[in-house]
C-alpha atoms as a PDB file:
ATOM      1  CA  MET A   1     -45.611 -68.836  25.604  1.00  0.00           C
ATOM      2  CA  SER A   2     -46.666 -68.914  22.066  1.00  0.00           C
ATOM      3  CA  SER A   3     -44.300 -67.485  19.156  1.00  0.00           C
ATOM      4  CA  LEU A   4     -47.156 -64.932  18.467  1.00  0.00           C
ATOM      5  CA  GLY A   5     -46.751 -63.684  22.108  1.00  0.00           C
ATOM      6  CA  ASN A   6     -43.072 -63.466  21.756  1.00  0.00           C
ATOM      7  CA  LEU A   7     -43.444 -61.321  18.672  1.00  0.00           C
ATOM      8  CA  ILE A   8     -45.769 -58.925  20.583  1.00  0.00           C
ATOM      9  CA  ARG A   9     -43.342 -58.892  23.449  1.00  0.00           C
ATOM     10  CA  SER A  10     -40.598 -57.634  20.986  1.00  0.00           C
ATOM     11  CA  TRP A  11     -42.719 -54.552  19.950  1.00  0.00           C
ATOM     12  CA  PHE A  12     -42.564 -53.388  23.580  1.00  0.00           C
ATOM     13  CA  GLY A  13     -38.893 -53.948  24.085  1.00  0.00           C
ATOM     14  CA  ALA A  14     -38.839 -57.427  25.517  1.00  0.00           C
ATOM     15  CA  PRO A  15     -36.776 -60.393  23.810  1.00  0.00           C
ATOM     16  CA  SER A  16     -38.440 -62.105  20.967  1.00  0.00           C
ATOM     17  CA  GLY A  17     -38.319 -65.514  19.624  1.00  0.00           C
ATOM     18  CA  SER A  18     -38.657 -66.656  15.894  1.00  0.00           C
ATOM     19  CA  SER A  19     -40.424 -63.689  14.180  1.00  0.00           C
ATOM     20  CA  THR A  20     -41.057 -66.069  11.180  1.00  0.00           C
ATOM     21  CA  ASP A  21     -42.928 -68.611  13.424  1.00  0.00           C
ATOM     22  CA  ALA A  22     -44.841 -65.821  15.172  1.00  0.00           C
ATOM     23  CA  LEU A  23     -45.953 -64.391  11.789  1.00  0.00           C
ATOM     24  CA  GLN A  24     -47.180 -67.794  10.516  1.00  0.00           C
ATOM     25  CA  GLU A  25     -49.166 -68.043  13.709  1.00  0.00           C
ATOM     26  CA  ALA A  26     -50.642 -64.577  13.279  1.00  0.00           C
ATOM     27  CA  ILE A  27     -51.512 -65.625   9.728  1.00  0.00           C
ATOM     28  CA  GLU A  28     -53.497 -68.729  10.967  1.00  0.00           C
ATOM     29  CA  VAL A  29     -55.194 -66.459  13.628  1.00  0.00           C
ATOM     30  CA  VAL A  30     -56.887 -64.183  10.883  1.00  0.00           C
ATOM     31  CA  VAL A  31     -57.730 -67.045   8.693  1.00  0.00           C
ATOM     32  CA  ASP A  32     -59.357 -68.996  11.636  1.00  0.00           C
ATOM     33  CA  ASN A  33     -61.335 -65.845  12.629  1.00  0.00           C
ATOM     34  CA  SER A  34     -62.480 -64.842   9.035  1.00  0.00           C
ATOM     35  CA  THR A  35     -63.291 -67.961   6.832  1.00  0.00           C
ATOM     36  CA  PRO A  36     -61.317 -71.245   6.448  1.00  0.00           C
ATOM     37  CA  LYS A  37     -62.097 -71.104   2.712  1.00  0.00           C
ATOM     38  CA  ILE A  38     -58.988 -68.943   2.366  1.00  0.00           C
ATOM     39  CA  ARG A  39     -56.904 -71.920   2.955  1.00  0.00           C
ATOM     40  CA  LEU A  40     -57.963 -73.252  -0.454  1.00  0.00           C
ATOM     41  CA  VAL A  41     -56.079 -70.473  -2.059  1.00  0.00           C
ATOM     42  CA  ARG A  42     -52.680 -71.585  -3.259  1.00  0.00           C
ATOM     43  CA  GLY A  43     -49.953 -69.507  -1.576  1.00  0.00           C
ATOM     44  CA  TYR A  44     -52.277 -67.812   0.918  1.00  0.00           C
ATOM     45  CA  LYS A  45     -49.590 -67.617   3.653  1.00  0.00           C
ATOM     46  CA  LYS A  46     -47.255 -65.767   1.329  1.00  0.00           C
ATOM     47  CA  LYS A  47     -50.063 -63.466   0.145  1.00  0.00           C
ATOM     48  CA  LEU A  48     -51.167 -62.658   3.692  1.00  0.00           C
ATOM     49  CA  LYS A  49     -47.732 -62.016   5.073  1.00  0.00           C
ATOM     50  CA  PRO A  50     -47.216 -58.218   4.128  1.00  0.00           C
ATOM     51  CA  PRO A  51     -50.835 -57.260   5.292  1.00  0.00           C
ATOM     52  CA  VAL A  52     -50.647 -59.221   8.466  1.00  0.00           C
ATOM     53  CA  GLU A  53     -47.337 -57.416   9.316  1.00  0.00           C
ATOM     54  CA  SER A  54     -48.881 -54.195   8.543  1.00  0.00           C
ATOM     55  CA  ALA A  55     -51.907 -55.053  10.729  1.00  0.00           C
ATOM     56  CA  LEU A  56     -49.663 -55.946  13.553  1.00  0.00           C
ATOM     57  CA  ASP A  57     -47.784 -52.586  13.261  1.00  0.00           C
ATOM     58  CA  PHE A  58     -51.123 -50.802  13.472  1.00  0.00           C
ATOM     59  CA  ILE A  59     -52.212 -52.891  16.598  1.00  0.00           C
ATOM     60  CA  ALA A  60     -48.908 -52.253  18.457  1.00  0.00           C
ATOM     61  CA  ASP A  61     -49.194 -48.553  17.846  1.00  0.00           C
ATOM     62  CA  LEU A  62     -52.804 -48.495  18.886  1.00  0.00           C
ATOM     63  CA  ILE A  63     -52.095 -50.346  22.198  1.00  0.00           C
ATOM     64  CA  LYS A  64     -49.402 -47.963  23.007  1.00  0.00           C
ATOM     65  CA  THR A  65     -51.800 -45.033  22.932  1.00  0.00           C
ATOM     66  CA  ILE A  66     -54.166 -46.565  25.486  1.00  0.00           C
ATOM     67  CA  PRO A  67     -53.834 -44.531  28.817  1.00  0.00           C
ATOM     68  CA  GLY A  68     -52.720 -46.043  31.993  1.00  0.00           C
ATOM     69  CA  PRO A  69     -52.384 -48.214  33.888  1.00  0.00           C
ATOM     70  CA  ILE A  70     -54.416 -46.212  36.495  1.00  0.00           C
ATOM     71  CA  ASP A  71     -53.236 -47.495  39.995  1.00  0.00           C
ATOM     72  CA  ALA A  72     -56.288 -48.802  41.804  1.00  0.00           C
ATOM     73  CA  THR A  73     -54.522 -51.405  43.929  1.00  0.00           C
ATOM     74  CA  ASP A  74     -55.739 -49.989  47.352  1.00  0.00           C
ATOM     75  CA  ARG A  75     -59.237 -49.381  48.549  1.00  0.00           C
ATOM     76  CA  SER A  76     -59.084 -45.473  48.458  1.00  0.00           C
ATOM     77  CA  LEU A  77     -57.655 -45.498  44.937  1.00  0.00           C
ATOM     78  CA  ALA A  78     -60.195 -48.088  43.676  1.00  0.00           C
ATOM     79  CA  ASP A  79     -63.084 -46.003  45.070  1.00  0.00           C
ATOM     80  CA  ASN A  80     -61.858 -42.610  43.859  1.00  0.00           C
ATOM     81  CA  LEU A  81     -60.194 -43.463  40.510  1.00  0.00           C
ATOM     82  CA  LEU A  82     -62.162 -46.563  39.441  1.00  0.00           C
ATOM     83  CA  ILE A  83     -65.640 -46.529  40.957  1.00  0.00           C
ATOM     84  CA  LYS A  84     -66.567 -42.913  40.939  1.00  0.00           C
ATOM     85  CA  ALA A  85     -65.074 -42.161  37.419  1.00  0.00           C
ATOM     86  CA  PHE A  86     -66.407 -45.290  35.528  1.00  0.00           C
ATOM     87  CA  PHE A  87     -69.395 -46.737  37.426  1.00  0.00           C
ATOM     88  CA  LEU A  88     -72.580 -45.226  38.747  1.00  0.00           C
ATOM     89  CA  ASN A  89     -72.010 -46.585  42.294  1.00  0.00           C
ATOM     90  CA  ARG A  90     -70.481 -49.565  44.200  1.00  0.00           C
ATOM     91  CA  ASP A  91     -73.614 -51.699  43.641  1.00  0.00           C
ATOM     92  CA  GLU A  92     -73.182 -51.502  39.849  1.00  0.00           C
ATOM     93  CA  PHE A  93     -69.443 -52.080  40.080  1.00  0.00           C
ATOM     94  CA  GLU A  94     -69.900 -55.207  42.252  1.00  0.00           C
ATOM     95  CA  ALA A  95     -72.675 -56.654  39.964  1.00  0.00           C
ATOM     96  CA  ILE A  96     -70.529 -56.185  36.897  1.00  0.00           C
ATOM     97  CA  ILE A  97     -67.330 -57.923  38.247  1.00  0.00           C
ATOM     98  CA  SER A  98     -69.402 -60.616  39.609  1.00  0.00           C
ATOM     99  CA  VAL A  99     -70.574 -61.824  36.072  1.00  0.00           C
ATOM    100  CA  ASP A 100     -67.489 -60.495  33.947  1.00  0.00           C
ATOM    101  CA  GLU A 101     -66.454 -63.839  32.298  1.00  0.00           C
ATOM    102  CA  ASP A 102     -62.917 -62.659  31.231  1.00  0.00           C
ATOM    103  CA  LEU A 103     -62.202 -61.465  34.725  1.00  0.00           C
ATOM    104  CA  ASN A 104     -63.713 -64.407  36.640  1.00  0.00           C
ATOM    105  CA  ALA A 105     -61.846 -66.875  34.344  1.00  0.00           C
ATOM    106  CA  PHE A 106     -58.702 -65.096  35.147  1.00  0.00           C
ATOM    107  CA  PHE A 107     -59.257 -65.254  38.949  1.00  0.00           C
ATOM    108  CA  ALA A 108     -59.874 -68.940  38.718  1.00  0.00           C
ATOM    109  CA  GLU A 109     -56.543 -69.623  36.923  1.00  0.00           C
ATOM    110  CA  ASN A 110     -54.258 -67.201  38.905  1.00  0.00           C
ATOM    111  CA  GLN A 111     -53.161 -66.581  42.279  1.00  0.00           C
ATOM    112  CA  PRO A 112     -54.348 -63.554  44.298  1.00  0.00           C
ATOM    113  CA  GLY A 113     -52.543 -60.250  43.986  1.00  0.00           C
ATOM    114  CA  ASP A 114     -51.851 -57.442  41.640  1.00  0.00           C
ATOM    115  CA  PHE A 115     -53.017 -57.734  38.113  1.00  0.00           C
ATOM    116  CA  PHE A 116     -53.501 -55.550  35.013  1.00  0.00           C
ATOM    117  CA  VAL A 117     -56.515 -55.159  32.851  1.00  0.00           C
ATOM    118  CA  MET A 118     -58.167 -53.129  30.333  1.00  0.00           C
ATOM    119  CA  LEU A 119     -61.485 -51.583  31.060  1.00  0.00           C
ATOM    120  CA  GLY A 120     -63.795 -50.867  27.993  1.00  0.00           C
ATOM    121  CA  MET A 121     -67.094 -49.110  28.141  1.00  0.00           C
ATOM    122  CA  GLN A 122     -69.749 -47.392  26.075  1.00  0.00           C
ATOM    123  CA  ARG A 123     -69.620 -43.717  26.475  1.00  0.00           C
ATOM    124  CA  ASP A 124     -72.521 -41.341  26.710  1.00  0.00           C
ATOM    125  CA  ALA A 125     -72.517 -37.527  27.183  1.00  0.00           C
ATOM    126  CA  LYS A 126     -75.032 -34.848  27.717  1.00  0.00           C
ATOM    127  CA  THR A 127     -74.726 -31.156  28.264  1.00  0.00           C
ATOM    128  CA  THR A 128     -75.472 -29.884  31.686  1.00  0.00           C
ATOM    129  CA  PHE A 129     -75.176 -26.463  33.507  1.00  0.00           C
ATOM    130  CA  GLY A 130     -73.268 -25.744  36.584  1.00  0.00           C
ATOM    131  CA  SER A 131     -70.693 -23.381  38.121  1.00  0.00           C
ATOM    132  CA  ARG A 132     -66.734 -23.392  38.031  1.00  0.00           C
ATOM    133  CA  LEU A 133     -64.185 -21.332  39.755  1.00  0.00           C
ATOM    134  CA  GLN A 134     -62.462 -18.796  37.487  1.00  0.00           C
ATOM    135  CA  GLY A 135     -59.670 -17.281  39.495  1.00  0.00           C
ATOM    136  CA  ASP A 136     -61.455 -16.238  42.671  1.00  0.00           C
ATOM    137  CA  ILE A 137     -64.793 -15.714  40.865  1.00  0.00           C
ATOM    138  CA  VAL A 138     -67.551 -18.399  40.833  1.00  0.00           C
ATOM    139  CA  VAL A 139     -68.993 -18.424  37.258  1.00  0.00           C
ATOM    140  CA  ARG A 140     -72.511 -19.791  37.206  1.00  0.00           C
ATOM    141  CA  ASP A 141     -74.692 -21.417  34.518  1.00  0.00           C
ATOM    142  CA  VAL A 142     -71.734 -22.614  32.625  1.00  0.00           C
ATOM    143  CA  ALA A 143     -72.519 -25.194  29.904  1.00  0.00           C
ATOM    144  CA  MET A 144     -70.688 -28.475  30.641  1.00  0.00           C
ATOM    145  CA  GLN A 145     -70.631 -32.024  29.074  1.00  0.00           C
ATOM    146  CA  SER A 146     -71.262 -34.547  31.664  1.00  0.00           C
ATOM    147  CA  VAL A 147     -70.028 -38.092  30.883  1.00  0.00           C
ATOM    148  CA  THR A 148     -71.257 -41.534  31.947  1.00  0.00           C
ATOM    149  CA  PHE A 149     -70.493 -44.977  31.086  1.00  0.00           C
ATOM    150  CA  SER A 150     -72.328 -48.357  30.565  1.00  0.00           C
ATOM    151  CA  ASP A 151     -71.712 -51.758  29.330  1.00  0.00           C
ATOM    152  CA  GLN A 152     -68.402 -51.908  31.141  1.00  0.00           C
ATOM    153  CA  ARG A 153     -66.234 -54.971  30.429  1.00  0.00           C
ATOM    154  CA  PHE A 154     -62.852 -56.017  31.640  1.00  0.00           C
ATOM    155  CA  ARG A 155     -60.629 -57.397  28.923  1.00  0.00           C
ATOM    156  CA  ALA A 156     -57.234 -59.024  28.787  1.00  0.00           C
ATOM    157  CA  PRO A 157     -56.598 -59.476  32.598  1.00  0.00           C
ATOM    158  CA  SER A 158     -53.036 -60.412  32.968  1.00  0.00           C
ATOM    159  CA  VAL A 159     -50.382 -60.722  35.512  1.00  0.00           C
ATOM    160  CA  SER A 160     -48.132 -58.138  33.921  1.00  0.00           C
ATOM    161  CA  MET A 161     -48.507 -55.237  31.445  1.00  0.00           C
ATOM    162  CA  ASP A 162     -46.350 -57.200  28.916  1.00  0.00           C
ATOM    163  CA  ALA A 163     -48.900 -59.975  29.035  1.00  0.00           C
ATOM    164  CA  ALA A 164     -51.852 -57.538  28.825  1.00  0.00           C
ATOM    165  CA  TYR A 165     -50.378 -56.055  25.716  1.00  0.00           C
ATOM    166  CA  GLN A 166     -49.971 -59.479  24.178  1.00  0.00           C
ATOM    167  CA  ASN A 167     -53.447 -60.710  25.011  1.00  0.00           C
ATOM    168  CA  LEU A 168     -55.077 -57.515  23.713  1.00  0.00           C
ATOM    169  CA  ALA A 169     -53.044 -57.338  20.628  1.00  0.00           C
ATOM    170  CA  LEU A 170     -54.413 -60.914  19.810  1.00  0.00           C
ATOM    171  CA  GLY A 171     -57.706 -59.756  20.519  1.00  0.00           C
ATOM    172  CA  VAL A 172     -57.520 -56.843  18.049  1.00  0.00           C
ATOM    173  CA  LEU A 173     -56.124 -59.003  15.381  1.00  0.00           C
ATOM    174  CA  GLN A 174     -59.096 -61.248  15.875  1.00  0.00           C
ATOM    175  CA  VAL A 175     -61.518 -58.266  15.685  1.00  0.00           C
ATOM    176  CA  LEU A 176     -60.006 -57.206  12.307  1.00  0.00           C
ATOM    177  CA  ALA A 177     -60.382 -60.758  10.986  1.00  0.00           C
ATOM    178  CA  HIS A 178     -64.070 -60.789  12.159  1.00  0.00           C
ATOM    179  CA  GLN A 179     -64.481 -57.417  10.397  1.00  0.00           C
ATOM    180  CA  ALA A 180     -63.531 -59.059   7.029  1.00  0.00           C
ATOM    181  CA  LEU A 181     -66.066 -61.788   7.744  1.00  0.00           C
ATOM    182  CA  GLU A 182     -68.678 -59.255   8.301  1.00  0.00           C
ATOM    183  CA  ILE A 183     -67.864 -57.436   5.025  1.00  0.00           C
ATOM    184  CA  ILE A 184     -68.236 -60.888   3.216  1.00  0.00           C
ATOM    185  CA  LEU A 185     -71.515 -61.744   5.087  1.00  0.00           C
ATOM    186  CA  ALA A 186     -72.875 -58.263   4.300  1.00  0.00           C
ATOM    187  CA  GLU A 187     -72.106 -58.628   0.652  1.00  0.00           C
ATOM    188  CA  GLN A 188     -73.567 -62.057   0.439  1.00  0.00           C
ATOM    189  CA  ALA A 189     -76.778 -60.665   2.118  1.00  0.00           C
ATOM    190  CA  ARG A 190     -76.785 -57.851  -0.425  1.00  0.00           C
ATOM    191  CA  GLN A 191     -76.547 -60.301  -3.293  1.00  0.00           C
ATOM    192  CA  THR A 192     -79.659 -62.272  -2.002  1.00  0.00           C
ATOM    193  CA  GLU A 193     -81.607 -58.953  -1.644  1.00  0.00           C
ATOM    194  CA  LEU A 194     -80.809 -58.015  -5.148  1.00  0.00           C
ATOM    195  CA  GLU A 195     -81.727 -61.366  -6.568  1.00  0.00           C
ATOM    196  CA  GLN A 196     -85.037 -61.254  -4.960  1.00  0.00           C
ATOM    197  CA  LEU A 197     -85.584 -57.554  -6.143  1.00  0.00           C
ATOM    198  CA  ALA A 198     -84.545 -58.505  -9.694  1.00  0.00           C
ATOM    199  CA  ASP A 199     -87.111 -61.427  -9.686  1.00  0.00           C
ATOM    200  CA  GLU A 200     -89.863 -59.025  -8.431  1.00  0.00           C
ATOM    201  CA  LEU A 201     -89.026 -56.389 -10.916  1.00  0.00           C
ATOM    202  CA  THR A 202     -89.011 -58.820 -13.922  1.00  0.00           C
ATOM    203  CA  ALA A 203     -92.351 -60.207 -12.864  1.00  0.00           C
ATOM    204  CA  LYS A 204     -93.638 -56.746 -12.588  1.00  0.00           C
ATOM    205  CA  ILE A 205     -92.405 -55.663 -15.946  1.00  0.00           C
ATOM    206  CA  LYS A 206     -93.746 -58.799 -17.709  1.00  0.00           C
ATOM    207  CA  ALA A 207     -97.157 -57.988 -16.221  1.00  0.00           C
ATOM    208  CA  MET A 208     -97.037 -54.392 -17.360  1.00  0.00           C
ATOM    209  CA  ALA A 209     -96.043 -55.580 -20.876  1.00  0.00           C
ATOM    210  CA  ARG A 210     -98.964 -58.014 -21.046  1.00  0.00           C
ATOM    211  CA  ALA A 211    -101.392 -55.399 -19.774  1.00  0.00           C
ATOM    212  CA  ARG A 212    -100.137 -52.997 -22.445  1.00  0.00           C
ATOM    213  CA  ARG A 213    -100.788 -55.450 -25.194  1.00  0.00           C
ATOM    214  CA  ASN A 214    -104.481 -55.874 -24.034  1.00  0.00           C
ATOM    215  CA  LEU A 215    -105.203 -52.137 -23.974  1.00  0.00           C
ATOM    216  CA  VAL A 216    -106.370 -49.782 -26.745  1.00  0.00           C
ATOM    217  CA  LEU A 217    -104.121 -46.798 -27.019  1.00  0.00           C
ATOM    218  CA  LYS A 218    -105.389 -44.205 -24.468  1.00  0.00           C
ATOM    219  CA  LYS A 219    -103.981 -41.059 -23.208  1.00  0.00           C
ATOM    220  CA  LYS A 220    -102.948 -42.886 -20.017  1.00  0.00           C
ATOM    221  CA  ASP A 221    -100.801 -45.070 -22.078  1.00  0.00           C
ATOM    222  CA  ALA A 222     -98.028 -42.477 -21.805  1.00  0.00           C
ATOM    223  CA  ALA A 223     -98.068 -42.602 -18.097  1.00  0.00           C
ATOM    224  CA  ASP A 224     -98.069 -46.406 -18.313  1.00  0.00           C
ATOM    225  CA  MET A 225     -94.986 -46.376 -20.627  1.00  0.00           C
ATOM    226  CA  HIS A 226     -93.105 -44.169 -18.335  1.00  0.00           C
ATOM    227  CA  SER A 227     -93.806 -46.531 -15.420  1.00  0.00           C
ATOM    228  CA  TYR A 228     -92.756 -49.412 -17.696  1.00  0.00           C
ATOM    229  CA  GLN A 229     -89.497 -47.590 -18.536  1.00  0.00           C
ATOM    230  CA  GLU A 230     -88.769 -46.638 -15.007  1.00  0.00           C
ATOM    231  CA  GLY A 231     -89.121 -50.376 -14.029  1.00  0.00           C
ATOM    232  CA  GLN A 232     -86.833 -51.349 -16.784  1.00  0.00           C
ATOM    233  CA  GLU A 233     -84.171 -48.951 -15.797  1.00  0.00           C
ATOM    234  CA  LEU A 234     -84.317 -49.926 -12.069  1.00  0.00           C
ATOM    235  CA  LEU A 235     -83.961 -53.508 -13.213  1.00  0.00           C
ATOM    236  CA  ASN A 236     -80.890 -52.655 -15.260  1.00  0.00           C
ATOM    237  CA  GLN A 237     -79.362 -50.911 -12.296  1.00  0.00           C
ATOM    238  CA  VAL A 238     -80.039 -53.903  -9.937  1.00  0.00           C
ATOM    239  CA  GLU A 239     -78.721 -56.328 -12.486  1.00  0.00           C
ATOM    240  CA  ALA A 240     -75.606 -54.277 -13.011  1.00  0.00           C
ATOM    241  CA  GLU A 241     -74.908 -54.183  -9.189  1.00  0.00           C
ATOM    242  CA  LEU A 242     -75.638 -57.904  -8.997  1.00  0.00           C
ATOM    243  CA  ASN A 243     -73.191 -58.649 -11.867  1.00  0.00           C
ATOM    244  CA  THR A 244     -70.532 -56.616 -10.074  1.00  0.00           C
ATOM    245  CA  ILE A 245     -71.003 -58.643  -6.805  1.00  0.00           C
ATOM    246  CA  GLU A 246     -71.052 -61.884  -8.726  1.00  0.00           C
ATOM    247  CA  THR A 247     -67.942 -61.115 -10.461  1.00  0.00           C
ATOM    248  CA  GLU A 248     -65.975 -60.082  -7.322  1.00  0.00           C
ATOM    249  CA  GLN A 249     -67.216 -63.243  -5.572  1.00  0.00           C
ATOM    250  CA  ARG A 250     -66.167 -65.486  -8.527  1.00  0.00           C
ATOM    251  CA  GLY A 251     -63.269 -67.737  -7.412  1.00  0.00           C
ATOM    252  CA  GLN A 252     -61.530 -68.518  -4.123  1.00  0.00           C
ATOM    253  CA  ASN A 253     -59.549 -65.237  -4.166  1.00  0.00           C
ATOM    254  CA  TYR A 254     -62.593 -63.452  -3.278  1.00  0.00           C
ATOM    255  CA  TYR A 255     -62.343 -64.370   0.472  1.00  0.00           C
ATOM    256  CA  LEU A 256     -58.853 -63.546   0.506  1.00  0.00           C
ATOM    257  CA  ASP A 257     -59.058 -60.208  -1.080  1.00  0.00           C
ATOM    258  CA  ARG A 258     -61.719 -59.177   1.548  1.00  0.00           C
ATOM    259  CA  LEU A 259     -59.343 -60.093   4.297  1.00  0.00           C
ATOM    260  CA  ILE A 260     -56.297 -58.420   2.758  1.00  0.00           C
ATOM    261  CA  GLN A 261     -58.384 -55.227   2.179  1.00  0.00           C
ATOM    262  CA  VAL A 262     -59.128 -55.032   6.036  1.00  0.00           C
ATOM    263  CA  LEU A 263     -55.551 -55.907   7.138  1.00  0.00           C
ATOM    264  CA  GLN A 264     -53.906 -53.297   4.812  1.00  0.00           C
ATOM    265  CA  HIS A 265     -56.267 -50.593   5.901  1.00  0.00           C
ATOM    266  CA  PRO A 266     -57.233 -51.179   9.543  1.00  0.00           C
ATOM    267  CA  GLU A 267     -57.488 -47.417  10.112  1.00  0.00           C
ATOM    268  CA  ASN A 268     -60.633 -47.581   7.929  1.00  0.00           C
ATOM    269  CA  TYR A 269     -62.352 -49.773  10.374  1.00  0.00           C
ATOM    270  CA  ILE A 270     -60.796 -48.667  13.776  1.00  0.00           C
ATOM    271  CA  THR A 271     -60.322 -45.094  14.581  1.00  0.00           C
ATOM    272  CA  THR A 272     -59.196 -43.536  18.031  1.00  0.00           C
ATOM    273  CA  GLU A 273     -58.918 -40.375  19.727  1.00  0.00           C
ATOM    274  CA  LEU A 274     -57.506 -39.374  23.154  1.00  0.00           C
ATOM    275  CA  SER A 275     -60.002 -37.843  25.530  1.00  0.00           C
ATOM    276  CA  THR A 276     -59.509 -36.150  28.839  1.00  0.00           C
ATOM    277  CA  LEU A 277     -62.083 -36.074  31.577  1.00  0.00           C
ATOM    278  CA  HIS A 278     -62.290 -34.945  35.243  1.00  0.00           C
ATOM    279  CA  LEU A 279     -64.366 -35.328  38.327  1.00  0.00           C
ATOM    280  CA  ASP A 280     -65.755 -31.960  39.532  1.00  0.00           C
ATOM    281  CA  ARG A 281     -65.971 -31.153  43.284  1.00  0.00           C
ATOM    282  CA  THR A 282     -69.562 -32.747  43.418  1.00  0.00           C
ATOM    283  CA  GLY A 283     -68.250 -36.128  41.838  1.00  0.00           C
ATOM    284  CA  ILE A 284     -69.757 -35.418  38.374  1.00  0.00           C
ATOM    285  CA  LEU A 285     -67.524 -36.675  35.448  1.00  0.00           C
ATOM    286  CA  LEU A 286     -67.086 -34.055  33.025  1.00  0.00           C
ATOM    287  CA  SER A 287     -65.499 -33.767  29.591  1.00  0.00           C
ATOM    288  CA  GLY A 288     -62.253 -31.728  29.402  1.00  0.00           C
ATOM    289  CA  LYS A 289     -59.273 -30.924  31.528  1.00  0.00           C
ATOM    290  CA  SER A 290     -59.327 -29.854  35.161  1.00  0.00           C
ATOM    291  CA  ASP A 291     -57.462 -26.847  36.432  1.00  0.00           C
ATOM    292  CA  ASP A 292     -55.676 -29.290  38.591  1.00  0.00           C
ATOM    293  CA  PRO A 293     -53.752 -31.836  36.357  1.00  0.00           C
ATOM    294  CA  GLN A 294     -53.730 -34.458  38.996  1.00  0.00           C
ATOM    295  CA  LYS A 295     -57.523 -34.707  38.654  1.00  0.00           C
ATOM    296  CA  ASN A 296     -57.450 -35.405  34.937  1.00  0.00           C
ATOM    297  CA  ILE A 297     -58.443 -38.804  33.778  1.00  0.00           C
ATOM    298  CA  ASN A 298     -57.378 -39.903  30.260  1.00  0.00           C
ATOM    299  CA  VAL A 299     -59.024 -42.482  28.237  1.00  0.00           C
ATOM    300  CA  LEU A 300     -58.902 -43.617  24.610  1.00  0.00           C
ATOM    301  CA  ASP A 301     -62.098 -43.372  22.512  1.00  0.00           C
ATOM    302  CA  VAL A 302     -62.342 -46.214  20.061  1.00  0.00           C
ATOM    303  CA  GLN A 303     -64.708 -46.487  17.129  1.00  0.00           C
ATOM    304  CA  LEU A 304     -65.089 -49.825  15.413  1.00  0.00           C
ATOM    305  CA  SER A 305     -66.760 -49.498  11.976  1.00  0.00           C
ATOM    306  CA  ASP A 306     -70.537 -48.396  12.861  1.00  0.00           C
ATOM    307  CA  ASN A 307     -70.441 -49.809  16.455  1.00  0.00           C
ATOM    308  CA  PRO A 308     -71.139 -47.459  19.357  1.00  0.00           C
ATOM    309  CA  LEU A 309     -68.035 -45.479  20.565  1.00  0.00           C
ATOM    310  CA  ARG A 310     -66.320 -47.199  23.402  1.00  0.00           C
ATOM    311  CA  SER A 311     -63.709 -45.694  25.816  1.00  0.00           C
ATOM    312  CA  VAL A 312     -60.794 -47.832  27.070  1.00  0.00           C
ATOM    313  CA  VAL A 313     -58.102 -47.351  29.672  1.00  0.00           C
ATOM    314  CA  PHE A 314     -55.576 -49.666  31.426  1.00  0.00           C
ATOM    315  CA  LEU A 315     -55.911 -50.406  35.079  1.00  0.00           C
ATOM    316  CA  LYS A 316     -53.729 -51.864  37.781  1.00  0.00           C
ATOM    317  CA  CYS A 317     -55.840 -53.672  40.342  1.00  0.00           C
ATOM    318  CA  ASN A 318     -55.562 -55.924  43.336  1.00  0.00           C
ATOM    319  CA  ARG A 319     -57.828 -58.812  43.358  1.00  0.00           C
ATOM    320  CA  GLU A 320     -58.455 -58.776  47.200  1.00  0.00           C
ATOM    321  CA  THR A 321     -58.965 -54.963  47.240  1.00  0.00           C
ATOM    322  CA  LEU A 322     -61.285 -55.060  44.262  1.00  0.00           C
ATOM    323  CA  MET A 323     -63.499 -57.739  45.885  1.00  0.00           C
ATOM    324  CA  GLU A 324     -63.548 -55.871  49.177  1.00  0.00           C
ATOM    325  CA  VAL A 325     -64.392 -52.388  47.593  1.00  0.00           C
END
């Protein structure tokens, strides 16, 4: 088992190995998944140590808030707690598990039996009207929020919850590093866009200046002058923003600074909220708590930057049962 895995085990009460070696491995993971140019910065490992430690603490706390594992190890449980809650029907469920890369890679490398996995899915909701029981009275035309899921994916399948925690923690660390890379690429794209805009504005202003020199002073010259001044002001704004970006990108520390920015404040890029759902008597999944606590299903809603909201939950499954459902 890797030293990083041992460190993650220690967050959940298991014995750990060398925390120093584990931290160095975590640092290399974030550099590999952002940009290798960071390795050109002298002392990058020392500079990354505090933000990586901070990010790992955030990740450990996040993973501990994911509900589950929901026990779906026998056929009845899998049908009622897994398929009816998170899939449209058995056909969709079978189609998804048949092509899920993580799940099938795990099956190929491990013996049959129980396993643990995180199910992630895109959440969609709409308002519907139905009836509910209030005491002994049936109340009709009650506004309810029905929930459906799509793009279901199984992540971090593992032989134990400890292993699932480790695999998922490593995955979240990679996600944060990718976020830093996306910021860098977006800023570079913005720089290219501004350079093109500056060239276009410069050419347009020069053309307006030549045209003014060839015109006799007329009433419309005031409007022409106003357009000229507006163009010049816009060019100044573009050049100021461009200068800011170029100044920030000057030197090798730029890449390191962007990675540190994300690792020190992961809460700016990953937000979560615990959500309670329940199946009504007709099998429709609704937002909110049921009068019967045993019918409640908890998921964690996760928002990664501007990506669609996804709901996640840990499952305990049995390979044979899963394939037979």
